[in-house]
Amino acid sequence: LPYHRTGNRRKIRYVDALTYRNKLVNQRHDALDELGALDQE
């Protein structure tokens, strides 16, 4: 996750945090689809 420092603090852009969250959600959905297919198989 990209960030930059302001003094000794890390700052993350909101859009980068949302992009990462959406990536996590998509990974979870893919994993659930895979588990569902495995269950059916």
PDB file of all heavy atoms in Angstrom:
ATOM      1  N   LEU A   1       0.865  -1.176   0.000  1.00  0.00           N
ATOM      2  CA  LEU A   1       0.000   0.000   0.000  1.00  0.00           C
ATOM      3  C   LEU A   1       0.905   1.231   0.000  1.00  0.00           C
ATOM      4  O   LEU A   1       1.767   1.370   0.866  1.00  0.00           O
ATOM      5  CB  LEU A   1      -0.886  -0.028   1.250  1.00  0.00           C
ATOM      6  CG  LEU A   1      -2.031   0.950   1.369  1.00  0.00           C
ATOM      7  CD1 LEU A   1      -3.014   0.823   0.219  1.00  0.00           C
ATOM      8  CD2 LEU A   1      -2.779   0.718   2.671  1.00  0.00           C
ATOM      9  N   PRO A   2       0.748   2.122  -1.003  1.00  0.00           N
ATOM     10  CA  PRO A   2       1.631   3.287  -1.055  1.00  0.00           C
ATOM     11  C   PRO A   2       1.336   4.291   0.066  1.00  0.00           C
ATOM     12  O   PRO A   2       0.197   4.420   0.507  1.00  0.00           O
ATOM     13  CB  PRO A   2       1.330   3.906  -2.428  1.00  0.00           C
ATOM     14  CG  PRO A   2       0.025   3.358  -2.849  1.00  0.00           C
ATOM     15  CD  PRO A   2      -0.186   2.065  -2.121  1.00  0.00           C
ATOM     16  N   TYR A   3       2.374   4.971   0.501  1.00  0.00           N
ATOM     17  CA  TYR A   3       2.242   6.000   1.533  1.00  0.00           C
ATOM     18  C   TYR A   3       3.406   6.974   1.391  1.00  0.00           C
ATOM     19  O   TYR A   3       4.351   6.737   0.637  1.00  0.00           O
ATOM     20  CB  TYR A   3       2.237   5.380   2.931  1.00  0.00           C
ATOM     21  CG  TYR A   3       3.576   4.855   3.382  1.00  0.00           C
ATOM     22  CD1 TYR A   3       4.419   5.641   4.167  1.00  0.00           C
ATOM     23  CD2 TYR A   3       4.016   3.587   3.023  1.00  0.00           C
ATOM     24  CE1 TYR A   3       5.649   5.160   4.581  1.00  0.00           C
ATOM     25  CE2 TYR A   3       5.244   3.107   3.421  1.00  0.00           C
ATOM     26  CZ  TYR A   3       6.058   3.897   4.197  1.00  0.00           C
ATOM     27  OH  TYR A   3       7.279   3.424   4.598  1.00  0.00           O
ATOM     28  N   HIS A   4       3.333   8.060   2.114  1.00  0.00           N
ATOM     29  CA  HIS A   4       4.464   8.971   2.219  1.00  0.00           C
ATOM     30  C   HIS A   4       4.536   9.455   3.657  1.00  0.00           C
ATOM     31  O   HIS A   4       3.586   9.307   4.423  1.00  0.00           O
ATOM     32  CB  HIS A   4       4.361  10.133   1.216  1.00  0.00           C
ATOM     33  CG  HIS A   4       3.311  11.135   1.560  1.00  0.00           C
ATOM     34  ND1 HIS A   4       1.984  10.948   1.252  1.00  0.00           N
ATOM     35  CD2 HIS A   4       3.386  12.322   2.214  1.00  0.00           C
ATOM     36  CE1 HIS A   4       1.290  11.986   1.690  1.00  0.00           C
ATOM     37  NE2 HIS A   4       2.097  12.835   2.275  1.00  0.00           N
ATOM     38  N   ARG A   5       5.675  10.019   3.982  1.00  0.00           N
ATOM     39  CA  ARG A   5       5.865  10.500   5.358  1.00  0.00           C
ATOM     40  C   ARG A   5       5.713  12.019   5.408  1.00  0.00           C
ATOM     41  O   ARG A   5       6.168  12.724   4.530  1.00  0.00           O
ATOM     42  CB  ARG A   5       7.235  10.112   5.880  1.00  0.00           C
ATOM     43  CG  ARG A   5       7.337   8.649   6.197  1.00  0.00           C
ATOM     44  CD  ARG A   5       8.616   8.387   6.987  1.00  0.00           C
ATOM     45  NE  ARG A   5       8.728   6.998   7.353  1.00  0.00           N
ATOM     46  CZ  ARG A   5       8.266   6.478   8.480  1.00  0.00           C
ATOM     47  NH1 ARG A   5       7.661   7.233   9.350  1.00  0.00           N
ATOM     48  NH2 ARG A   5       8.406   5.197   8.743  1.00  0.00           N
ATOM     49  N   THR A   6       5.034  12.466   6.454  1.00  0.00           N
ATOM     50  CA  THR A   6       4.953  13.878   6.785  1.00  0.00           C
ATOM     51  C   THR A   6       5.575  13.988   8.174  1.00  0.00           C
ATOM     52  O   THR A   6       4.939  13.604   9.162  1.00  0.00           O
ATOM     53  CB  THR A   6       3.490  14.368   6.792  1.00  0.00           C
ATOM     54  OG1 THR A   6       2.912  14.107   5.524  1.00  0.00           O
ATOM     55  CG2 THR A   6       3.411  15.842   7.112  1.00  0.00           C
ATOM     56  N   GLY A   7       6.821  14.419   8.209  1.00  0.00           N
ATOM     57  CA  GLY A   7       7.553  14.384   9.475  1.00  0.00           C
ATOM     58  C   GLY A   7       7.806  12.930   9.828  1.00  0.00           C
ATOM     59  O   GLY A   7       8.329  12.169   9.030  1.00  0.00           O
ATOM     60  N   ASN A   8       7.395  12.520  11.014  1.00  0.00           N
ATOM     61  CA  ASN A   8       7.568  11.125  11.418  1.00  0.00           C
ATOM     62  C   ASN A   8       6.277  10.318  11.280  1.00  0.00           C
ATOM     63  O   ASN A   8       6.178   9.209  11.774  1.00  0.00           O
ATOM     64  CB  ASN A   8       8.107  11.042  12.850  1.00  0.00           C
ATOM     65  CG  ASN A   8       7.119  11.601  13.856  1.00  0.00           C
ATOM     66  OD1 ASN A   8       6.117  12.210  13.492  1.00  0.00           O
ATOM     67  ND2 ASN A   8       7.399  11.391  15.133  1.00  0.00           N
ATOM     68  N   ARG A   9       5.290  10.880  10.610  1.00  0.00           N
ATOM     69  CA  ARG A   9       3.990  10.201  10.450  1.00  0.00           C
ATOM     70  C   ARG A   9       3.813   9.699   9.028  1.00  0.00           C
ATOM     71  O   ARG A   9       4.215  10.349   8.077  1.00  0.00           O
ATOM     72  CB  ARG A   9       2.859  11.154  10.800  1.00  0.00           C
ATOM     73  CG  ARG A   9       2.971  11.701  12.204  1.00  0.00           C
ATOM     74  CD  ARG A   9       1.633  12.134  12.717  1.00  0.00           C
ATOM     75  NE  ARG A   9       1.759  12.710  14.033  1.00  0.00           N
ATOM     76  CZ  ARG A   9       1.596  12.019  15.154  1.00  0.00           C
ATOM     77  NH1 ARG A   9       1.316  10.753  15.098  1.00  0.00           N
ATOM     78  NH2 ARG A   9       1.709  12.617  16.327  1.00  0.00           N
ATOM     79  N   ARG A  10       3.169   8.541   8.909  1.00  0.00           N
ATOM     80  CA  ARG A  10       2.853   7.985   7.599  1.00  0.00           C
ATOM     81  C   ARG A  10       1.470   8.473   7.194  1.00  0.00           C
ATOM     82  O   ARG A  10       0.542   8.433   7.993  1.00  0.00           O
ATOM     83  CB  ARG A  10       2.862   6.466   7.638  1.00  0.00           C
ATOM     84  CG  ARG A  10       4.181   5.886   8.049  1.00  0.00           C
ATOM     85  CD  ARG A  10       4.031   4.391   8.223  1.00  0.00           C
ATOM     86  NE  ARG A  10       5.038   3.875   9.113  1.00  0.00           N
ATOM     87  CZ  ARG A  10       5.816   2.844   8.823  1.00  0.00           C
ATOM     88  NH1 ARG A  10       5.682   2.230   7.672  1.00  0.00           N
ATOM     89  NH2 ARG A  10       6.700   2.420   9.689  1.00  0.00           N
ATOM     90  N   LYS A  11       1.344   8.872   5.948  1.00  0.00           N
ATOM     91  CA  LYS A  11       0.056   9.325   5.411  1.00  0.00           C
ATOM     92  C   LYS A  11      -0.269   8.487   4.183  1.00  0.00           C
ATOM     93  O   LYS A  11       0.587   8.226   3.340  1.00  0.00           O
ATOM     94  CB  LYS A  11       0.109  10.806   5.017  1.00  0.00           C
ATOM     95  CG  LYS A  11       0.285  11.740   6.203  1.00  0.00           C
ATOM     96  CD  LYS A  11      -0.955  11.764   7.045  1.00  0.00           C
ATOM     97  CE  LYS A  11      -0.830  12.801   8.147  1.00  0.00           C
ATOM     98  NZ  LYS A  11      -2.054  12.955   8.873  1.00  0.00           N
ATOM     99  N   ILE A  12      -1.528   8.069   4.089  1.00  0.00           N
ATOM    100  CA  ILE A  12      -2.000   7.247   2.976  1.00  0.00           C
ATOM    101  C   ILE A  12      -3.127   8.005   2.301  1.00  0.00           C
ATOM    102  O   ILE A  12      -4.025   8.522   2.972  1.00  0.00           O
ATOM    103  CB  ILE A  12      -2.516   5.867   3.472  1.00  0.00           C
ATOM    104  CG1 ILE A  12      -1.392   5.116   4.200  1.00  0.00           C
ATOM    105  CG2 ILE A  12      -3.035   5.045   2.311  1.00  0.00           C
ATOM    106  CD1 ILE A  12      -1.507   5.142   5.663  1.00  0.00           C
ATOM    107  N   ARG A  13      -3.068   8.077   0.976  1.00  0.00           N
ATOM    108  CA  ARG A  13      -4.140   8.747   0.255  1.00  0.00           C
ATOM    109  C   ARG A  13      -5.408   7.890   0.338  1.00  0.00           C
ATOM    110  O   ARG A  13      -5.355   6.666   0.247  1.00  0.00           O
ATOM    111  CB  ARG A  13      -3.763   8.961  -1.214  1.00  0.00           C
ATOM    112  CG  ARG A  13      -2.683   9.981  -1.402  1.00  0.00           C
ATOM    113  CD  ARG A  13      -2.327  10.274  -2.850  1.00  0.00           C
ATOM    114  NE  ARG A  13      -2.630   9.183  -3.763  1.00  0.00           N
ATOM    115  CZ  ARG A  13      -3.157   9.345  -4.972  1.00  0.00           C
ATOM    116  NH1 ARG A  13      -3.405  10.542  -5.427  1.00  0.00           N
ATOM    117  NH2 ARG A  13      -3.401   8.309  -5.739  1.00  0.00           N
ATOM    118  N   TYR A  14      -6.530   8.555   0.515  1.00  0.00           N
ATOM    119  CA  TYR A  14      -7.821   7.883   0.626  1.00  0.00           C
ATOM    120  C   TYR A  14      -8.082   6.994  -0.585  1.00  0.00           C
ATOM    121  O   TYR A  14      -8.512   5.850  -0.450  1.00  0.00           O
ATOM    122  CB  TYR A  14      -8.932   8.924   0.778  1.00  0.00           C
ATOM    123  CG  TYR A  14     -10.324   8.349   0.823  1.00  0.00           C
ATOM    124  CD1 TYR A  14     -10.755   7.610   1.914  1.00  0.00           C
ATOM    125  CD2 TYR A  14     -11.216   8.540  -0.229  1.00  0.00           C
ATOM    126  CE1 TYR A  14     -12.026   7.077   1.969  1.00  0.00           C
ATOM    127  CE2 TYR A  14     -12.490   8.011  -0.184  1.00  0.00           C
ATOM    128  CZ  TYR A  14     -12.894   7.289   0.912  1.00  0.00           C
ATOM    129  OH  TYR A  14     -14.151   6.762   0.950  1.00  0.00           O
ATOM    130  N   VAL A  15      -7.786   7.510  -1.775  1.00  0.00           N
ATOM    131  CA  VAL A  15      -8.037   6.739  -2.998  1.00  0.00           C
ATOM    132  C   VAL A  15      -7.187   5.464  -3.019  1.00  0.00           C
ATOM    133  O   VAL A  15      -7.651   4.415  -3.479  1.00  0.00           O
ATOM    134  CB  VAL A  15      -7.824   7.609  -4.258  1.00  0.00           C
ATOM    135  CG1 VAL A  15      -6.369   7.976  -4.464  1.00  0.00           C
ATOM    136  CG2 VAL A  15      -8.392   6.952  -5.489  1.00  0.00           C
ATOM    137  N   ASP A  16      -5.955   5.519  -2.495  1.00  0.00           N
ATOM    138  CA  ASP A  16      -5.114   4.317  -2.433  1.00  0.00           C
ATOM    139  C   ASP A  16      -5.681   3.303  -1.440  1.00  0.00           C
ATOM    140  O   ASP A  16      -5.653   2.094  -1.683  1.00  0.00           O
ATOM    141  CB  ASP A  16      -3.678   4.682  -2.048  1.00  0.00           C
ATOM    142  CG  ASP A  16      -2.966   5.473  -3.135  1.00  0.00           C
ATOM    143  OD1 ASP A  16      -3.328   5.319  -4.322  1.00  0.00           O
ATOM    144  OD2 ASP A  16      -2.044   6.238  -2.793  1.00  0.00           O
ATOM    145  N   ALA A  17      -6.192   3.804  -0.312  1.00  0.00           N
ATOM    146  CA  ALA A  17      -6.801   2.908   0.679  1.00  0.00           C
ATOM    147  C   ALA A  17      -8.038   2.229   0.101  1.00  0.00           C
ATOM    148  O   ALA A  17      -8.253   1.027   0.292  1.00  0.00           O
ATOM    149  CB  ALA A  17      -7.156   3.675   1.950  1.00  0.00           C
ATOM    150  N   LEU A  18      -8.864   2.991  -0.645  1.00  0.00           N
ATOM    151  CA  LEU A  18     -10.053   2.396  -1.268  1.00  0.00           C
ATOM    152  C   LEU A  18      -9.679   1.381  -2.327  1.00  0.00           C
ATOM    153  O   LEU A  18     -10.310   0.321  -2.437  1.00  0.00           O
ATOM    154  CB  LEU A  18     -10.922   3.483  -1.906  1.00  0.00           C
ATOM    155  CG  LEU A  18     -11.886   4.214  -1.016  1.00  0.00           C
ATOM    156  CD1 LEU A  18     -12.754   5.166  -1.839  1.00  0.00           C
ATOM    157  CD2 LEU A  18     -12.764   3.269  -0.226  1.00  0.00           C
ATOM    158  N   THR A  19      -8.661   1.687  -3.121  1.00  0.00           N
ATOM    159  CA  THR A  19      -8.202   0.756  -4.152  1.00  0.00           C
ATOM    160  C   THR A  19      -7.755  -0.551  -3.511  1.00  0.00           C
ATOM    161  O   THR A  19      -8.102  -1.646  -3.983  1.00  0.00           O
ATOM    162  CB  THR A  19      -7.046   1.382  -4.965  1.00  0.00           C
ATOM    163  OG1 THR A  19      -7.523   2.574  -5.592  1.00  0.00           O
ATOM    164  CG2 THR A  19      -6.523   0.427  -6.011  1.00  0.00           C
ATOM    165  N   TYR A  20      -6.994  -0.456  -2.421  1.00  0.00           N
ATOM    166  CA  TYR A  20      -6.537  -1.656  -1.732  1.00  0.00           C
ATOM    167  C   TYR A  20      -7.714  -2.432  -1.141  1.00  0.00           C
ATOM    168  O   TYR A  20      -7.772  -3.656  -1.241  1.00  0.00           O
ATOM    169  CB  TYR A  20      -5.521  -1.296  -0.633  1.00  0.00           C
ATOM    170  CG  TYR A  20      -4.907  -2.523  -0.011  1.00  0.00           C
ATOM    171  CD1 TYR A  20      -3.891  -3.204  -0.650  1.00  0.00           C
ATOM    172  CD2 TYR A  20      -5.372  -3.010   1.203  1.00  0.00           C
ATOM    173  CE1 TYR A  20      -3.340  -4.345  -0.101  1.00  0.00           C
ATOM    174  CE2 TYR A  20      -4.825  -4.150   1.769  1.00  0.00           C
ATOM    175  CZ  TYR A  20      -3.812  -4.820   1.111  1.00  0.00           C
ATOM    176  OH  TYR A  20      -3.285  -5.954   1.652  1.00  0.00           O
ATOM    177  N   ARG A  21      -8.676  -1.705  -0.556  1.00  0.00           N
ATOM    178  CA  ARG A  21      -9.858  -2.376   0.007  1.00  0.00           C
ATOM    179  C   ARG A  21     -10.630  -3.113  -1.080  1.00  0.00           C
ATOM    180  O   ARG A  21     -11.051  -4.262  -0.887  1.00  0.00           O
ATOM    181  CB  ARG A  21     -10.764  -1.379   0.717  1.00  0.00           C
ATOM    182  CG  ARG A  21     -11.936  -2.076   1.423  1.00  0.00           C
ATOM    183  CD  ARG A  21     -12.822  -1.121   2.135  1.00  0.00           C
ATOM    184  NE  ARG A  21     -13.607  -0.371   1.171  1.00  0.00           N
ATOM    185  CZ  ARG A  21     -14.557   0.474   1.479  1.00  0.00           C
ATOM    186  NH1 ARG A  21     -14.833   0.725   2.731  1.00  0.00           N
ATOM    187  NH2 ARG A  21     -15.234   1.095   0.550  1.00  0.00           N
ATOM    188  N   ASN A  22     -10.809  -2.480  -2.235  1.00  0.00           N
ATOM    189  CA  ASN A  22     -11.514  -3.137  -3.345  1.00  0.00           C
ATOM    190  C   ASN A  22     -10.765  -4.367  -3.828  1.00  0.00           C
ATOM    191  O   ASN A  22     -11.376  -5.373  -4.182  1.00  0.00           O
ATOM    192  CB  ASN A  22     -11.739  -2.147  -4.487  1.00  0.00           C
ATOM    193  CG  ASN A  22     -12.735  -1.072  -4.129  1.00  0.00           C
ATOM    194  OD1 ASN A  22     -13.548  -1.236  -3.216  1.00  0.00           O
ATOM    195  ND2 ASN A  22     -12.663   0.053  -4.814  1.00  0.00           N
ATOM    196  N   LYS A  23      -9.433  -4.289  -3.834  1.00  0.00           N
ATOM    197  CA  LYS A  23      -8.612  -5.447  -4.209  1.00  0.00           C
ATOM    198  C   LYS A  23      -8.852  -6.605  -3.238  1.00  0.00           C
ATOM    199  O   LYS A  23      -9.022  -7.754  -3.642  1.00  0.00           O
ATOM    200  CB  LYS A  23      -7.140  -5.041  -4.227  1.00  0.00           C
ATOM    201  CG  LYS A  23      -6.181  -6.151  -4.534  1.00  0.00           C
ATOM    202  CD  LYS A  23      -4.749  -5.610  -4.496  1.00  0.00           C
ATOM    203  CE  LYS A  23      -3.814  -6.690  -4.025  1.00  0.00           C
ATOM    204  NZ  LYS A  23      -2.464  -6.207  -3.790  1.00  0.00           N
ATOM    205  N   LEU A  24      -8.893  -6.293  -1.936  1.00  0.00           N
ATOM    206  CA  LEU A  24      -9.158  -7.327  -0.922  1.00  0.00           C
ATOM    207  C   LEU A  24     -10.537  -7.950  -1.107  1.00  0.00           C
ATOM    208  O   LEU A  24     -10.695  -9.176  -1.023  1.00  0.00           O
ATOM    209  CB  LEU A  24      -9.062  -6.735   0.483  1.00  0.00           C
ATOM    210  CG  LEU A  24      -7.690  -6.391   1.015  1.00  0.00           C
ATOM    211  CD1 LEU A  24      -7.805  -5.795   2.417  1.00  0.00           C
ATOM    212  CD2 LEU A  24      -6.784  -7.601   1.025  1.00  0.00           C
ATOM    213  N   VAL A  25     -11.526  -7.109  -1.363  1.00  0.00           N
ATOM    214  CA  VAL A  25     -12.890  -7.607  -1.567  1.00  0.00           C
ATOM    215  C   VAL A  25     -12.932  -8.534  -2.774  1.00  0.00           C
ATOM    216  O   VAL A  25     -13.534  -9.614  -2.721  1.00  0.00           O
ATOM    217  CB  VAL A  25     -13.888  -6.430  -1.724  1.00  0.00           C
ATOM    218  CG1 VAL A  25     -15.227  -6.905  -2.240  1.00  0.00           C
ATOM    219  CG2 VAL A  25     -14.055  -5.698  -0.404  1.00  0.00           C
ATOM    220  N   ASN A  26     -12.285  -8.143  -3.863  1.00  0.00           N
ATOM    221  CA  ASN A  26     -12.258  -8.982  -5.068  1.00  0.00           C
ATOM    222  C   ASN A  26     -11.553 -10.306  -4.810  1.00  0.00           C
ATOM    223  O   ASN A  26     -11.998 -11.354  -5.286  1.00  0.00           O
ATOM    224  CB  ASN A  26     -11.597  -8.239  -6.229  1.00  0.00           C
ATOM    225  CG  ASN A  26     -12.460  -7.117  -6.752  1.00  0.00           C
ATOM    226  OD1 ASN A  26     -13.679  -7.127  -6.604  1.00  0.00           O
ATOM    227  ND2 ASN A  26     -11.837  -6.117  -7.355  1.00  0.00           N
ATOM    228  N   GLN A  27     -10.452 -10.281  -4.049  1.00  0.00           N
ATOM    229  CA  GLN A  27      -9.743 -11.511  -3.704  1.00  0.00           C
ATOM    230  C   GLN A  27     -10.637 -12.433  -2.871  1.00  0.00           C
ATOM    231  O   GLN A  27     -10.654 -13.651  -3.076  1.00  0.00           O
ATOM    232  CB  GLN A  27      -8.462 -11.201  -2.938  1.00  0.00           C
ATOM    233  CG  GLN A  27      -7.366 -10.621  -3.783  1.00  0.00           C
ATOM    234  CD  GLN A  27      -6.155 -10.198  -2.956  1.00  0.00           C
ATOM    235  OE1 GLN A  27      -6.230 -10.052  -1.729  1.00  0.00           O
ATOM    236  NE2 GLN A  27      -5.036  -9.973  -3.638  1.00  0.00           N
ATOM    237  N   ARG A  28     -11.383 -11.856  -1.946  1.00  0.00           N
ATOM    238  CA  ARG A  28     -12.288 -12.663  -1.113  1.00  0.00           C
ATOM    239  C   ARG A  28     -13.389 -13.294  -1.957  1.00  0.00           C
ATOM    240  O   ARG A  28     -13.729 -14.462  -1.777  1.00  0.00           O
ATOM    241  CB  ARG A  28     -12.891 -11.807  -0.004  1.00  0.00           C
ATOM    242  CG  ARG A  28     -11.898 -11.431   1.061  1.00  0.00           C
ATOM    243  CD  ARG A  28     -12.493 -10.498   2.091  1.00  0.00           C
ATOM    244  NE  ARG A  28     -11.462 -10.044   3.022  1.00  0.00           N
ATOM    245  CZ  ARG A  28     -11.419  -8.856   3.551  1.00  0.00           C
ATOM    246  NH1 ARG A  28     -12.371  -7.972   3.286  1.00  0.00           N
ATOM    247  NH2 ARG A  28     -10.450  -8.522   4.370  1.00  0.00           N
ATOM    248  N   HIS A  29     -13.937 -12.519  -2.885  1.00  0.00           N
ATOM    249  CA  HIS A  29     -14.982 -13.054  -3.762  1.00  0.00           C
ATOM    250  C   HIS A  29     -14.437 -14.181  -4.630  1.00  0.00           C
ATOM    251  O   HIS A  29     -15.104 -15.201  -4.818  1.00  0.00           O
ATOM    252  CB  HIS A  29     -15.580 -11.943  -4.628  1.00  0.00           C
ATOM    253  CG  HIS A  29     -16.501 -11.041  -3.889  1.00  0.00           C
ATOM    254  ND1 HIS A  29     -17.814 -10.883  -4.213  1.00  0.00           N
ATOM    255  CD2 HIS A  29     -16.300 -10.255  -2.807  1.00  0.00           C
ATOM    256  CE1 HIS A  29     -18.389 -10.042  -3.384  1.00  0.00           C
ATOM    257  NE2 HIS A  29     -17.474  -9.640  -2.519  1.00  0.00           N
ATOM    258  N   ASP A  30     -13.224 -14.001  -5.170  1.00  0.00           N
ATOM    259  CA  ASP A  30     -12.602 -15.039  -5.993  1.00  0.00           C
ATOM    260  C   ASP A  30     -12.385 -16.314  -5.175  1.00  0.00           C
ATOM    261  O   ASP A  30     -12.634 -17.422  -5.651  1.00  0.00           O
ATOM    262  CB  ASP A  30     -11.273 -14.552  -6.572  1.00  0.00           C
ATOM    263  CG  ASP A  30     -11.448 -13.461  -7.615  1.00  0.00           C
ATOM    264  OD1 ASP A  30     -12.597 -13.271  -8.100  1.00  0.00           O
ATOM    265  OD2 ASP A  30     -10.443 -12.784  -7.942  1.00  0.00           O
ATOM    266  N   ALA A  31     -11.920 -16.160  -3.933  1.00  0.00           N
ATOM    267  CA  ALA A  31     -11.691 -17.315  -3.064  1.00  0.00           C
ATOM    268  C   ALA A  31     -13.002 -18.033  -2.758  1.00  0.00           C
ATOM    269  O   ALA A  31     -13.064 -19.267  -2.774  1.00  0.00           O
ATOM    270  CB  ALA A  31     -10.999 -16.880  -1.778  1.00  0.00           C
ATOM    271  N   LEU A  32     -14.069 -17.273  -2.509  1.00  0.00           N
ATOM    272  CA  LEU A  32     -15.375 -17.893  -2.243  1.00  0.00           C
ATOM    273  C   LEU A  32     -15.901 -18.618  -3.476  1.00  0.00           C
ATOM    274  O   LEU A  32     -16.472 -19.713  -3.361  1.00  0.00           O
ATOM    275  CB  LEU A  32     -16.378 -16.837  -1.775  1.00  0.00           C
ATOM    276  CG  LEU A  32     -16.179 -16.318  -0.354  1.00  0.00           C
ATOM    277  CD1 LEU A  32     -17.108 -15.144  -0.079  1.00  0.00           C
ATOM    278  CD2 LEU A  32     -16.408 -17.429   0.657  1.00  0.00           C
ATOM    279  N   ASP A  33     -15.714 -18.025  -4.655  1.00  0.00           N
ATOM    280  CA  ASP A  33     -16.129 -18.698  -5.898  1.00  0.00           C
ATOM    281  C   ASP A  33     -15.364 -20.001  -6.090  1.00  0.00           C
ATOM    282  O   ASP A  33     -15.939 -21.021  -6.470  1.00  0.00           O
ATOM    283  CB  ASP A  33     -15.905 -17.782  -7.109  1.00  0.00           C
ATOM    284  CG  ASP A  33     -16.867 -16.616  -7.151  1.00  0.00           C
ATOM    285  OD1 ASP A  33     -17.905 -16.655  -6.436  1.00  0.00           O
ATOM    286  OD2 ASP A  33     -16.586 -15.649  -7.897  1.00  0.00           O
ATOM    287  N   GLU A  34     -14.078 -19.959  -5.794  1.00  0.00           N
ATOM    288  CA  GLU A  34     -13.243 -21.151  -5.924  1.00  0.00           C
ATOM    289  C   GLU A  34     -13.692 -22.233  -4.944  1.00  0.00           C
ATOM    290  O   GLU A  34     -13.779 -23.416  -5.290  1.00  0.00           O
ATOM    291  CB  GLU A  34     -11.783 -20.772  -5.673  1.00  0.00           C
ATOM    292  CG  GLU A  34     -10.799 -21.848  -6.021  1.00  0.00           C
ATOM    293  CD  GLU A  34      -9.368 -21.369  -5.857  1.00  0.00           C
ATOM    294  OE1 GLU A  34      -9.074 -20.217  -6.223  1.00  0.00           O
ATOM    295  OE2 GLU A  34      -8.551 -22.159  -5.338  1.00  0.00           O
ATOM    296  N   LEU A  35     -13.982 -21.838  -3.704  1.00  0.00           N
ATOM    297  CA  LEU A  35     -14.470 -22.805  -2.714  1.00  0.00           C
ATOM    298  C   LEU A  35     -15.815 -23.388  -3.118  1.00  0.00           C
ATOM    299  O   LEU A  35     -16.066 -24.592  -2.951  1.00  0.00           O
ATOM    300  CB  LEU A  35     -14.593 -22.142  -1.339  1.00  0.00           C
ATOM    301  CG  LEU A  35     -13.294 -21.932  -0.574  1.00  0.00           C
ATOM    302  CD1 LEU A  35     -13.545 -21.110   0.683  1.00  0.00           C
ATOM    303  CD2 LEU A  35     -12.659 -23.260  -0.223  1.00  0.00           C
ATOM    304  N   GLY A  36     -16.686 -22.541  -3.652  1.00  0.00           N
ATOM    305  CA  GLY A  36     -17.982 -23.031  -4.112  1.00  0.00           C
ATOM    306  C   GLY A  36     -17.840 -24.032  -5.246  1.00  0.00           C
ATOM    307  O   GLY A  36     -18.522 -25.066  -5.271  1.00  0.00           O
ATOM    308  N   ALA A  37     -16.944 -23.752  -6.185  1.00  0.00           N
ATOM    309  CA  ALA A  37     -16.709 -24.681  -7.297  1.00  0.00           C
ATOM    310  C   ALA A  37     -16.130 -25.991  -6.786  1.00  0.00           C
ATOM    311  O   ALA A  37     -16.504 -27.072  -7.253  1.00  0.00           O
ATOM    312  CB  ALA A  37     -15.776 -24.034  -8.315  1.00  0.00           C
ATOM    313  N   LEU A  38     -15.216 -25.909  -5.818  1.00  0.00           N
ATOM    314  CA  LEU A  38     -14.624 -27.110  -5.231  1.00  0.00           C
ATOM    315  C   LEU A  38     -15.684 -27.933  -4.506  1.00  0.00           C
ATOM    316  O   LEU A  38     -15.706 -29.170  -4.621  1.00  0.00           O
ATOM    317  CB  LEU A  38     -13.495 -26.721  -4.281  1.00  0.00           C
ATOM    318  CG  LEU A  38     -12.660 -27.854  -3.697  1.00  0.00           C
ATOM    319  CD1 LEU A  38     -11.999 -28.678  -4.799  1.00  0.00           C
ATOM    320  CD2 LEU A  38     -11.605 -27.296  -2.755  1.00  0.00           C
ATOM    321  N   ASP A  39     -16.568 -27.272  -3.778  1.00  0.00           N
ATOM    322  CA  ASP A  39     -17.672 -27.973  -3.106  1.00  0.00           C
ATOM    323  C   ASP A  39     -18.529 -28.737  -4.119  1.00  0.00           C
ATOM    324  O   ASP A  39     -18.912 -29.886  -3.889  1.00  0.00           O
ATOM    325  CB  ASP A  39     -18.562 -26.995  -2.343  1.00  0.00           C
ATOM    326  CG  ASP A  39     -17.978 -26.618  -0.991  1.00  0.00           C
ATOM    327  OD1 ASP A  39     -16.969 -27.225  -0.582  1.00  0.00           O
ATOM    328  OD2 ASP A  39     -18.536 -25.704  -0.357  1.00  0.00           O
ATOM    329  N   GLN A  40     -18.852 -28.071  -5.215  1.00  0.00           N
ATOM    330  CA  GLN A  40     -19.674 -28.717  -6.246  1.00  0.00           C
ATOM    331  C   GLN A  40     -18.945 -29.900  -6.862  1.00  0.00           C
ATOM    332  O   GLN A  40     -19.524 -30.957  -7.093  1.00  0.00           O
ATOM    333  CB  GLN A  40     -20.029 -27.698  -7.344  1.00  0.00           C
ATOM    334  CG  GLN A  40     -20.980 -26.628  -6.905  1.00  0.00           C
ATOM    335  CD  GLN A  40     -22.334 -27.158  -6.442  1.00  0.00           C
ATOM    336  OE1 GLN A  40     -22.866 -28.093  -7.022  1.00  0.00           O
ATOM    337  NE2 GLN A  40     -22.861 -26.574  -5.391  1.00  0.00           N
ATOM    338  N   GLU A  41     -17.654 -29.722  -7.118  1.00  0.00           N
ATOM    339  CA  GLU A  41     -16.855 -30.787  -7.709  1.00  0.00           C
ATOM    340  C   GLU A  41     -16.783 -32.007  -6.809  1.00  0.00           C
ATOM    341  O   GLU A  41     -16.818 -33.151  -7.268  1.00  0.00           O
ATOM    342  CB  GLU A  41     -15.441 -30.237  -7.978  1.00  0.00           C
ATOM    343  CG  GLU A  41     -14.525 -31.192  -8.686  1.00  0.00           C
ATOM    344  CD  GLU A  41     -13.151 -30.570  -8.909  1.00  0.00           C
ATOM    345  OE1 GLU A  41     -13.094 -29.452  -9.448  1.00  0.00           O
ATOM    346  OE2 GLU A  41     -12.159 -31.204  -8.527  1.00  0.00           O
TER     347      GLU A  41
END
